[in-house]
C-alpha cells in the first residue's frame, strides 16, 4: 500500500519511453506481459499490448 501511495505521489511524468518489450522465457516463447522503461529516470512500467497503454510501475527483481 505504501508503494502504491508513493507511486501516486511521485509518479514518473517523463514522456521519453522505450519501445514496448516482452521478456523471453527459457523455452524461447515470449511472455504475455510487456513493459516499457522511462529513458529519463529508469523506472519500469507494465505495458498492455492489446490496449497500447502504460500501467503500474513494476518492482525490480533480481535475476540470479
N, C-alpha and C. Protein backbone atom coordinates (compact mmCIF):
# COMPACT_ATOMS: atom_id res chain seq x y z
N UNK A 1 0.82 -1.19 0.00
CA UNK A 1 0.00 0.00 0.00
C UNK A 1 0.86 1.25 0.00
N UNK A 2 1.95 1.23 0.76
CA UNK A 2 2.84 2.40 0.80
C UNK A 2 3.48 2.61 -0.57
N UNK A 3 3.85 1.50 -1.25
CA UNK A 3 4.44 1.61 -2.58
C UNK A 3 3.44 2.24 -3.56
N UNK A 4 2.17 1.84 -3.47
CA UNK A 4 1.14 2.39 -4.34
C UNK A 4 0.96 3.89 -4.08
N UNK A 5 0.95 4.27 -2.82
CA UNK A 5 0.83 5.69 -2.47
C UNK A 5 2.03 6.48 -2.96
N UNK A 6 3.23 5.92 -2.83
CA UNK A 6 4.44 6.60 -3.30
C UNK A 6 4.40 6.74 -4.82
N UNK A 7 3.93 5.70 -5.53
CA UNK A 7 3.82 5.80 -6.99
C UNK A 7 2.81 6.86 -7.40
N UNK A 8 1.75 7.00 -6.62
CA UNK A 8 0.74 8.02 -6.92
C UNK A 8 1.31 9.42 -6.73
N UNK A 9 2.07 9.62 -5.64
CA UNK A 9 2.62 10.94 -5.34
C UNK A 9 3.82 11.28 -6.21
N UNK A 10 4.70 10.30 -6.43
CA UNK A 10 5.96 10.56 -7.13
C UNK A 10 5.99 9.85 -8.48
N UNK A 11 4.90 9.86 -9.17
CA UNK A 11 4.80 9.18 -10.46
C UNK A 11 5.75 9.81 -11.48
N UNK A 12 6.24 8.99 -12.32
CA UNK A 12 7.15 9.45 -13.36
C UNK A 12 6.33 10.20 -14.42
N UNK A 13 6.65 11.45 -14.64
CA UNK A 13 5.90 12.25 -15.62
C UNK A 13 6.69 12.41 -16.91
N UNK A 14 7.77 11.68 -17.05
CA UNK A 14 8.59 11.77 -18.25
C UNK A 14 7.86 11.19 -19.45
N UNK A 15 8.12 11.74 -20.59
CA UNK A 15 7.46 11.30 -21.82
C UNK A 15 8.37 10.41 -22.67
N UNK A 16 9.66 10.37 -22.36
CA UNK A 16 10.60 9.58 -23.16
C UNK A 16 10.59 8.14 -22.67
N UNK A 17 9.93 7.27 -23.40
CA UNK A 17 9.82 5.86 -23.02
C UNK A 17 10.47 4.98 -24.07
N UNK A 18 10.94 3.82 -23.63
CA UNK A 18 11.48 2.84 -24.57
C UNK A 18 10.34 2.24 -25.38
N UNK A 19 10.67 1.49 -26.38
CA UNK A 19 9.65 0.75 -27.11
C UNK A 19 9.13 -0.35 -26.21
N UNK A 20 7.89 -0.78 -26.41
CA UNK A 20 7.37 -1.90 -25.61
C UNK A 20 8.19 -3.16 -25.84
N UNK A 21 8.50 -3.86 -24.75
CA UNK A 21 9.30 -5.08 -24.82
C UNK A 21 8.58 -6.20 -24.10
N UNK A 22 8.81 -7.43 -24.53
CA UNK A 22 8.31 -8.60 -23.83
C UNK A 22 9.47 -9.52 -23.55
N UNK A 23 9.65 -9.93 -22.29
CA UNK A 23 10.76 -10.83 -21.97
C UNK A 23 10.53 -12.21 -22.58
N UNK A 24 11.61 -12.88 -22.90
CA UNK A 24 11.54 -14.21 -23.49
C UNK A 24 11.83 -15.24 -22.41
N UNK A 25 11.02 -16.29 -22.38
CA UNK A 25 11.24 -17.36 -21.42
C UNK A 25 12.40 -18.23 -21.87
N UNK A 26 12.85 -19.12 -21.00
CA UNK A 26 13.96 -20.01 -21.34
C UNK A 26 13.61 -20.94 -22.49
N UNK A 27 12.32 -21.23 -22.66
CA UNK A 27 11.91 -22.11 -23.76
C UNK A 27 11.93 -21.38 -25.11
N UNK A 28 12.12 -20.07 -25.10
CA UNK A 28 12.16 -19.29 -26.33
C UNK A 28 10.84 -18.62 -26.67
N UNK A 29 9.79 -18.91 -25.90
CA UNK A 29 8.49 -18.30 -26.14
C UNK A 29 8.38 -16.98 -25.38
N UNK A 30 7.83 -15.93 -25.99
CA UNK A 30 7.67 -14.66 -25.27
C UNK A 30 6.62 -14.77 -24.17
N UNK A 31 6.83 -14.03 -23.09
CA UNK A 31 5.84 -13.98 -22.01
C UNK A 31 4.66 -13.12 -22.43
N UNK A 32 3.58 -13.21 -21.68
CA UNK A 32 2.37 -12.45 -22.01
C UNK A 32 2.47 -10.98 -21.64
N UNK A 33 3.22 -10.67 -20.62
CA UNK A 33 3.24 -9.29 -20.14
C UNK A 33 4.40 -8.51 -20.74
N UNK A 34 4.10 -7.31 -21.16
CA UNK A 34 5.11 -6.44 -21.72
C UNK A 34 5.46 -5.33 -20.75
N UNK A 35 6.50 -4.56 -21.08
CA UNK A 35 6.88 -3.45 -20.23
C UNK A 35 7.57 -2.38 -21.06
N UNK A 36 7.61 -1.18 -20.50
CA UNK A 36 8.36 -0.06 -21.07
C UNK A 36 9.22 0.52 -19.96
N UNK A 37 10.28 1.22 -20.34
CA UNK A 37 11.19 1.83 -19.37
C UNK A 37 11.29 3.32 -19.67
N UNK A 38 11.20 4.13 -18.62
CA UNK A 38 11.38 5.57 -18.78
C UNK A 38 12.86 5.83 -19.06
N UNK A 39 13.16 6.54 -20.13
CA UNK A 39 14.54 6.80 -20.51
C UNK A 39 15.19 7.89 -19.67
N UNK A 40 14.39 8.64 -18.90
CA UNK A 40 14.94 9.69 -18.05
C UNK A 40 15.27 9.20 -16.64
N UNK A 41 14.35 8.44 -16.03
CA UNK A 41 14.58 8.02 -14.64
C UNK A 41 14.86 6.53 -14.50
N UNK A 42 14.62 5.73 -15.54
CA UNK A 42 14.92 4.30 -15.50
C UNK A 42 13.86 3.43 -14.86
N UNK A 43 12.72 4.00 -14.52
CA UNK A 43 11.65 3.23 -13.90
C UNK A 43 10.97 2.34 -14.94
N UNK A 44 10.59 1.13 -14.51
CA UNK A 44 9.99 0.14 -15.40
C UNK A 44 8.48 0.09 -15.15
N UNK A 45 7.68 0.15 -16.23
CA UNK A 45 6.23 0.14 -16.12
C UNK A 45 5.65 -1.01 -16.93
N UNK A 46 4.56 -1.58 -16.44
CA UNK A 46 3.88 -2.61 -17.22
C UNK A 46 3.25 -1.96 -18.44
N UNK A 47 3.05 -2.76 -19.49
CA UNK A 47 2.50 -2.22 -20.74
C UNK A 47 1.55 -3.26 -21.32
N UNK A 48 0.32 -2.84 -21.59
CA UNK A 48 -0.69 -3.73 -22.16
C UNK A 48 -0.63 -3.61 -23.67
N UNK A 49 -0.21 -4.70 -24.32
CA UNK A 49 -0.03 -4.68 -25.77
C UNK A 49 -1.36 -4.55 -26.53
N UNK A 50 -2.45 -5.06 -25.96
CA UNK A 50 -3.73 -5.01 -26.67
C UNK A 50 -4.34 -3.61 -26.67
N UNK A 51 -4.20 -2.87 -25.56
CA UNK A 51 -4.76 -1.52 -25.49
C UNK A 51 -3.69 -0.45 -25.74
N UNK A 52 -2.44 -0.87 -25.80
CA UNK A 52 -1.31 0.04 -26.01
C UNK A 52 -1.28 1.13 -24.94
N UNK A 53 -1.42 0.70 -23.67
CA UNK A 53 -1.44 1.64 -22.56
C UNK A 53 -0.41 1.24 -21.51
N UNK A 54 0.22 2.26 -20.90
CA UNK A 54 1.17 2.03 -19.83
C UNK A 54 0.42 1.79 -18.53
N UNK A 55 0.89 0.85 -17.74
CA UNK A 55 0.24 0.51 -16.48
C UNK A 55 1.06 0.94 -15.28
N UNK A 56 0.95 0.17 -14.21
CA UNK A 56 1.62 0.47 -12.95
C UNK A 56 3.12 0.23 -13.03
N UNK A 57 3.85 0.88 -12.12
CA UNK A 57 5.29 0.68 -12.03
C UNK A 57 5.57 -0.74 -11.54
N UNK A 58 6.60 -1.34 -12.08
CA UNK A 58 6.97 -2.70 -11.70
C UNK A 58 8.12 -2.65 -10.71
N UNK A 59 8.14 -3.58 -9.78
CA UNK A 59 9.23 -3.68 -8.82
C UNK A 59 10.40 -4.37 -9.49
N UNK A 60 11.61 -3.95 -9.10
CA UNK A 60 12.81 -4.59 -9.63
C UNK A 60 12.95 -5.98 -9.06
N UNK A 61 13.34 -6.92 -9.90
CA UNK A 61 13.53 -8.30 -9.46
C UNK A 61 14.95 -8.70 -9.78
N UNK A 62 15.62 -9.30 -8.79
CA UNK A 62 16.97 -9.78 -9.01
C UNK A 62 16.90 -11.05 -9.82
N UNK A 63 17.71 -11.15 -10.85
CA UNK A 63 17.73 -12.35 -11.69
C UNK A 63 19.04 -13.06 -11.46
N UNK A 64 19.11 -13.81 -10.34
CA UNK A 64 20.33 -14.54 -10.03
C UNK A 64 20.09 -16.02 -10.03
